[in-house]
């Protein structure tokens, strides 16, 4: 059984909604891979009724 190590990823980008709604988003997320981090960030943005745009995710 393998265990994945969780790491901290930093994200920056823009979340857009119905024009002219546009917000900057920044923060940290804990995930076991960059892809998981992207999925978590996108899901969090969409849960607020917005769409992610120009999102950058990298290890902190």
PDB file of N, CA and C in Angstrom:
ATOM      1  N   UNK A   1       0.841  -1.167   0.000  1.00  0.00           N
ATOM      2  CA  UNK A   1       0.000   0.000   0.000  1.00  0.00           C
ATOM      3  C   UNK A   1       0.892   1.237   0.000  1.00  0.00           C
ATOM      4  N   UNK A   2       0.721   2.095  -0.990  1.00  0.00           N
ATOM      5  CA  UNK A   2       1.554   3.288  -1.048  1.00  0.00           C
ATOM      6  C   UNK A   2       0.815   4.466  -0.444  1.00  0.00           C
ATOM      7  N   UNK A   3       1.573   5.337   0.144  1.00  0.00           N
ATOM      8  CA  UNK A   3       1.005   6.514   0.782  1.00  0.00           C
ATOM      9  C   UNK A   3       1.485   7.748   0.048  1.00  0.00           C
ATOM     10  N   UNK A   4       0.549   8.610  -0.338  1.00  0.00           N
ATOM     11  CA  UNK A   4       0.909   9.832  -1.038  1.00  0.00           C
ATOM     12  C   UNK A   4       1.236  10.920  -0.034  1.00  0.00           C
ATOM     13  N   UNK A   5       2.292  11.647  -0.309  1.00  0.00           N
ATOM     14  CA  UNK A   5       2.690  12.741   0.562  1.00  0.00           C
ATOM     15  C   UNK A   5       1.966  14.013   0.121  1.00  0.00           C
ATOM     16  N   UNK A   6       1.333  14.669   1.046  1.00  0.00           N
ATOM     17  CA  UNK A   6       0.654  15.922   0.734  1.00  0.00           C
ATOM     18  C   UNK A   6       1.648  17.072   0.793  1.00  0.00           C
ATOM     19  N   UNK A   7       1.487  17.998  -0.146  1.00  0.00           N
ATOM     20  CA  UNK A   7       2.343  19.171  -0.205  1.00  0.00           C
ATOM     21  C   UNK A   7       1.469  20.403  -0.356  1.00  0.00           C
ATOM     22  N   UNK A   8       2.056  21.548  -0.103  1.00  0.00           N
ATOM     23  CA  UNK A   8       1.338  22.808  -0.253  1.00  0.00           C
ATOM     24  C   UNK A   8       1.601  23.378  -1.638  1.00  0.00           C
ATOM     25  N   UNK A   9       0.530  23.788  -2.297  1.00  0.00           N
ATOM     26  CA  UNK A   9       0.605  24.423  -3.609  1.00  0.00           C
ATOM     27  C   UNK A   9       0.015  25.823  -3.494  1.00  0.00           C
ATOM     28  N   UNK A  10       0.637  26.766  -4.193  1.00  0.00           N
ATOM     29  CA  UNK A  10       0.172  28.147  -4.220  1.00  0.00           C
ATOM     30  C   UNK A  10      -0.549  28.389  -5.542  1.00  0.00           C
ATOM     31  N   UNK A  11      -1.677  29.108  -5.486  1.00  0.00           N
ATOM     32  CA  UNK A  11      -2.377  29.402  -6.734  1.00  0.00           C
ATOM     33  C   UNK A  11      -2.657  30.898  -6.859  1.00  0.00           C
ATOM     34  N   UNK A  12      -2.660  31.367  -8.090  1.00  0.00           N
ATOM     35  CA  UNK A  12      -3.041  32.736  -8.422  1.00  0.00           C
ATOM     36  C   UNK A  12      -3.833  32.682  -9.719  1.00  0.00           C
ATOM     37  N   UNK A  13      -4.705  33.631  -9.914  1.00  0.00           N
ATOM     38  CA  UNK A  13      -5.463  33.661 -11.154  1.00  0.00           C
ATOM     39  C   UNK A  13      -6.622  34.622 -11.058  1.00  0.00           C
ATOM     40  N   UNK A  14      -7.570  34.415 -11.938  1.00  0.00           N
ATOM     41  CA  UNK A  14      -8.748  35.268 -12.019  1.00  0.00           C
ATOM     42  C   UNK A  14      -9.973  34.369 -12.045  1.00  0.00           C
ATOM     43  N   UNK A  15     -11.017  34.781 -11.348  1.00  0.00           N
ATOM     44  CA  UNK A  15     -12.303  34.096 -11.385  1.00  0.00           C
ATOM     45  C   UNK A  15     -13.304  35.056 -12.014  1.00  0.00           C
ATOM     46  N   UNK A  16     -14.038  34.581 -12.993  1.00  0.00           N
ATOM     47  CA  UNK A  16     -14.979  35.455 -13.698  1.00  0.00           C
ATOM     48  C   UNK A  16     -16.397  34.930 -13.544  1.00  0.00           C
ATOM     49  N   UNK A  17     -17.327  35.866 -13.554  1.00  0.00           N
ATOM     50  CA  UNK A  17     -18.743  35.536 -13.486  1.00  0.00           C
ATOM     51  C   UNK A  17     -19.462  36.294 -14.580  1.00  0.00           C
ATOM     52  N   UNK A  18     -20.705  36.611 -14.339  1.00  0.00           N
ATOM     53  CA  UNK A  18     -21.475  37.387 -15.309  1.00  0.00           C
ATOM     54  C   UNK A  18     -20.837  38.766 -15.424  1.00  0.00           C
ATOM     55  N   UNK A  19     -20.569  39.184 -16.659  1.00  0.00           N
ATOM     56  CA  UNK A  19     -19.881  40.454 -16.907  1.00  0.00           C
ATOM     57  C   UNK A  19     -20.543  41.558 -16.111  1.00  0.00           C
ATOM     58  N   UNK A  20     -19.854  42.409 -15.445  1.00  0.00           N
ATOM     59  CA  UNK A  20     -18.409  42.641 -15.421  1.00  0.00           C
ATOM     60  C   UNK A  20     -17.707  42.015 -14.209  1.00  0.00           C
ATOM     61  N   UNK A  21     -18.313  41.012 -13.583  1.00  0.00           N
ATOM     62  CA  UNK A  21     -17.726  40.403 -12.391  1.00  0.00           C
ATOM     63  C   UNK A  21     -16.415  39.702 -12.718  1.00  0.00           C
ATOM     64  N   UNK A  22     -15.361  40.137 -12.048  1.00  0.00           N
ATOM     65  CA  UNK A  22     -14.025  39.576 -12.256  1.00  0.00           C
ATOM     66  C   UNK A  22     -13.262  39.753 -10.951  1.00  0.00           C
ATOM     67  N   UNK A  23     -12.749  38.679 -10.396  1.00  0.00           N
ATOM     68  CA  UNK A  23     -12.040  38.742  -9.114  1.00  0.00           C
ATOM     69  C   UNK A  23     -10.685  38.076  -9.210  1.00  0.00           C
ATOM     70  N   UNK A  24      -9.715  38.670  -8.535  1.00  0.00           N
ATOM     71  CA  UNK A  24      -8.404  38.030  -8.407  1.00  0.00           C
ATOM     72  C   UNK A  24      -8.509  36.967  -7.323  1.00  0.00           C
ATOM     73  N   UNK A  25      -7.879  35.835  -7.540  1.00  0.00           N
ATOM     74  CA  UNK A  25      -7.867  34.775  -6.540  1.00  0.00           C
ATOM     75  C   UNK A  25      -6.420  34.373  -6.260  1.00  0.00           C
ATOM     76  N   UNK A  26      -6.105  34.224  -4.995  1.00  0.00           N
ATOM     77  CA  UNK A  26      -4.773  33.767  -4.578  1.00  0.00           C
ATOM     78  C   UNK A  26      -4.946  32.924  -3.324  1.00  0.00           C
ATOM     79  N   UNK A  27      -4.019  32.036  -3.081  1.00  0.00           N
ATOM     80  CA  UNK A  27      -4.090  31.256  -1.862  1.00  0.00           C
ATOM     81  C   UNK A  27      -3.221  30.024  -1.916  1.00  0.00           C
ATOM     82  N   UNK A  28      -3.412  29.169  -0.939  1.00  0.00           N
ATOM     83  CA  UNK A  28      -2.680  27.917  -0.825  1.00  0.00           C
ATOM     84  C   UNK A  28      -3.678  26.772  -0.699  1.00  0.00           C
ATOM     85  N   UNK A  29      -3.269  25.623  -1.168  1.00  0.00           N
ATOM     86  CA  UNK A  29      -4.090  24.418  -1.052  1.00  0.00           C
ATOM     87  C   UNK A  29      -3.150  23.243  -0.769  1.00  0.00           C
ATOM     88  N   UNK A  30      -3.615  22.302   0.024  1.00  0.00           N
ATOM     89  CA  UNK A  30      -2.812  21.107   0.328  1.00  0.00           C
ATOM     90  C   UNK A  30      -3.339  19.967  -0.532  1.00  0.00           C
ATOM     91  N   UNK A  31      -2.420  19.341  -1.281  1.00  0.00           N
ATOM     92  CA  UNK A  31      -2.801  18.255  -2.175  1.00  0.00           C
ATOM     93  C   UNK A  31      -1.612  17.320  -2.368  1.00  0.00           C
ATOM     94  N   UNK A  32      -1.888  16.135  -2.895  1.00  0.00           N
ATOM     95  CA  UNK A  32      -0.825  15.150  -3.095  1.00  0.00           C
ATOM     96  C   UNK A  32      -0.187  15.266  -4.481  1.00  0.00           C
ATOM     97  N   UNK A  33      -0.794  16.068  -5.368  1.00  0.00           N
ATOM     98  CA  UNK A  33      -0.215  16.284  -6.695  1.00  0.00           C
ATOM     99  C   UNK A  33      -0.680  17.638  -7.222  1.00  0.00           C
ATOM    100  N   UNK A  34       0.018  18.129  -8.231  1.00  0.00           N
ATOM    101  CA  UNK A  34      -0.365  19.405  -8.835  1.00  0.00           C
ATOM    102  C   UNK A  34      -1.759  19.293  -9.453  1.00  0.00           C
ATOM    103  N   UNK A  35      -2.043  18.157 -10.105  1.00  0.00           N
ATOM    104  CA  UNK A  35      -3.353  17.977 -10.725  1.00  0.00           C
ATOM    105  C   UNK A  35      -4.471  17.987  -9.683  1.00  0.00           C
ATOM    106  N   UNK A  36      -4.239  17.354  -8.543  1.00  0.00           N
ATOM    107  CA  UNK A  36      -5.240  17.377  -7.469  1.00  0.00           C
ATOM    108  C   UNK A  36      -5.432  18.803  -6.957  1.00  0.00           C
ATOM    109  N   UNK A  37      -4.354  19.555  -6.852  1.00  0.00           N
ATOM    110  CA  UNK A  37      -4.442  20.948  -6.408  1.00  0.00           C
ATOM    111  C   UNK A  37      -5.283  21.771  -7.384  1.00  0.00           C
ATOM    112  N   UNK A  38      -5.047  21.597  -8.683  1.00  0.00           N
ATOM    113  CA  UNK A  38      -5.820  22.317  -9.697  1.00  0.00           C
ATOM    114  C   UNK A  38      -7.297  21.959  -9.586  1.00  0.00           C
ATOM    115  N   UNK A  39      -7.595  20.679  -9.432  1.00  0.00           N
ATOM    116  CA  UNK A  39      -8.979  20.218  -9.312  1.00  0.00           C
ATOM    117  C   UNK A  39      -9.659  20.845  -8.101  1.00  0.00           C
ATOM    118  N   UNK A  40      -8.963  20.876  -6.965  1.00  0.00           N
ATOM    119  CA  UNK A  40      -9.530  21.461  -5.739  1.00  0.00           C
ATOM    120  C   UNK A  40      -9.790  22.956  -5.903  1.00  0.00           C
ATOM    121  N   UNK A  41      -8.839  23.676  -6.479  1.00  0.00           N
ATOM    122  CA  UNK A  41      -8.996  25.124  -6.661  1.00  0.00           C
ATOM    123  C   UNK A  41     -10.146  25.414  -7.618  1.00  0.00           C
ATOM    124  N   UNK A  42     -10.191  24.715  -8.745  1.00  0.00           N
ATOM    125  CA  UNK A  42     -11.270  24.932  -9.713  1.00  0.00           C
ATOM    126  C   UNK A  42     -12.632  24.618  -9.100  1.00  0.00           C
ATOM    127  N   UNK A  43     -12.717  23.552  -8.331  1.00  0.00           N
ATOM    128  CA  UNK A  43     -13.987  23.187  -7.691  1.00  0.00           C
ATOM    129  C   UNK A  43     -14.420  24.264  -6.696  1.00  0.00           C
ATOM    130  N   UNK A  44     -13.477  24.803  -5.945  1.00  0.00           N
ATOM    131  CA  UNK A  44     -13.798  25.857  -4.985  1.00  0.00           C
ATOM    132  C   UNK A  44     -14.295  27.123  -5.662  1.00  0.00           C
ATOM    133  N   UNK A  45     -13.685  27.466  -6.788  1.00  0.00           N
ATOM    134  CA  UNK A  45     -14.116  28.658  -7.528  1.00  0.00           C
ATOM    135  C   UNK A  45     -15.504  28.437  -8.110  1.00  0.00           C
ATOM    136  N   UNK A  46     -15.716  27.262  -8.705  1.00  0.00           N
ATOM    137  CA  UNK A  46     -17.032  26.969  -9.307  1.00  0.00           C
ATOM    138  C   UNK A  46     -18.132  26.882  -8.251  1.00  0.00           C
ATOM    139  N   UNK A  47     -17.793  26.448  -7.036  1.00  0.00           N
ATOM    140  CA  UNK A  47     -18.786  26.368  -5.955  1.00  0.00           C
ATOM    141  C   UNK A  47     -19.314  27.755  -5.583  1.00  0.00           C
ATOM    142  N   UNK A  48     -18.570  28.787  -5.937  1.00  0.00           N
ATOM    143  CA  UNK A  48     -18.988  30.163  -5.671  1.00  0.00           C
ATOM    144  C   UNK A  48     -19.677  30.791  -6.874  1.00  0.00           C
ATOM    145  N   UNK A  49     -19.990  29.970  -7.872  1.00  0.00           N
ATOM    146  CA  UNK A  49     -20.709  30.462  -9.042  1.00  0.00           C
ATOM    147  C   UNK A  49     -19.835  31.188 -10.046  1.00  0.00           C
ATOM    148  N   UNK A  50     -18.531  30.979  -9.984  1.00  0.00           N
ATOM    149  CA  UNK A  50     -17.594  31.642 -10.885  1.00  0.00           C
ATOM    150  C   UNK A  50     -16.862  30.596 -11.723  1.00  0.00           C
ATOM    151  N   UNK A  51     -16.145  31.050 -12.722  1.00  0.00           N
ATOM    152  CA  UNK A  51     -15.336  30.171 -13.554  1.00  0.00           C
ATOM    153  C   UNK A  51     -13.875  30.569 -13.432  1.00  0.00           C
ATOM    154  N   UNK A  52     -12.969  29.596 -13.271  1.00  0.00           N
ATOM    155  CA  UNK A  52     -11.550  29.921 -13.197  1.00  0.00           C
ATOM    156  C   UNK A  52     -11.031  30.354 -14.559  1.00  0.00           C
ATOM    157  N   UNK A  53     -10.127  31.318 -14.542  1.00  0.00           N
ATOM    158  CA  UNK A  53      -9.532  31.830 -15.779  1.00  0.00           C
ATOM    159  C   UNK A  53      -8.093  32.207 -15.467  1.00  0.00           C
ATOM    160  N   UNK A  54      -7.190  31.834 -16.336  1.00  0.00           N
ATOM    161  CA  UNK A  54      -5.777  32.191 -16.187  1.00  0.00           C
ATOM    162  C   UNK A  54      -5.238  31.773 -14.823  1.00  0.00           C
ATOM    163  N   UNK A  55      -5.418  30.509 -14.486  1.00  0.00           N
ATOM    164  CA  UNK A  55      -5.036  29.968 -13.174  1.00  0.00           C
ATOM    165  C   UNK A  55      -3.618  29.387 -13.229  1.00  0.00           C
ATOM    166  N   UNK A  56      -2.808  29.754 -12.257  1.00  0.00           N
ATOM    167  CA  UNK A  56      -1.440  29.225 -12.129  1.00  0.00           C
ATOM    168  C   UNK A  56      -1.336  28.514 -10.797  1.00  0.00           C
ATOM    169  N   UNK A  57      -0.871  27.256 -10.816  1.00  0.00           N
ATOM    170  CA  UNK A  57      -0.696  26.475  -9.593  1.00  0.00           C
ATOM    171  C   UNK A  57       0.724  25.925  -9.567  1.00  0.00           C
ATOM    172  N   UNK A  58       1.449  26.171  -8.467  1.00  0.00           N
ATOM    173  CA  UNK A  58       2.818  25.652  -8.346  1.00  0.00           C
ATOM    174  C   UNK A  58       3.112  25.308  -6.890  1.00  0.00           C
ATOM    175  N   UNK A  59       4.146  24.478  -6.703  1.00  0.00           N
ATOM    176  CA  UNK A  59       4.534  24.102  -5.336  1.00  0.00           C
ATOM    177  C   UNK A  59       4.975  25.335  -4.579  1.00  0.00           C
ATOM    178  N   UNK A  60       4.578  25.388  -3.312  1.00  0.00           N
ATOM    179  CA  UNK A  60       4.936  26.535  -2.467  1.00  0.00           C
ATOM    180  C   UNK A  60       6.386  26.427  -2.028  1.00  0.00           C
TER     181      UNK A  60
END
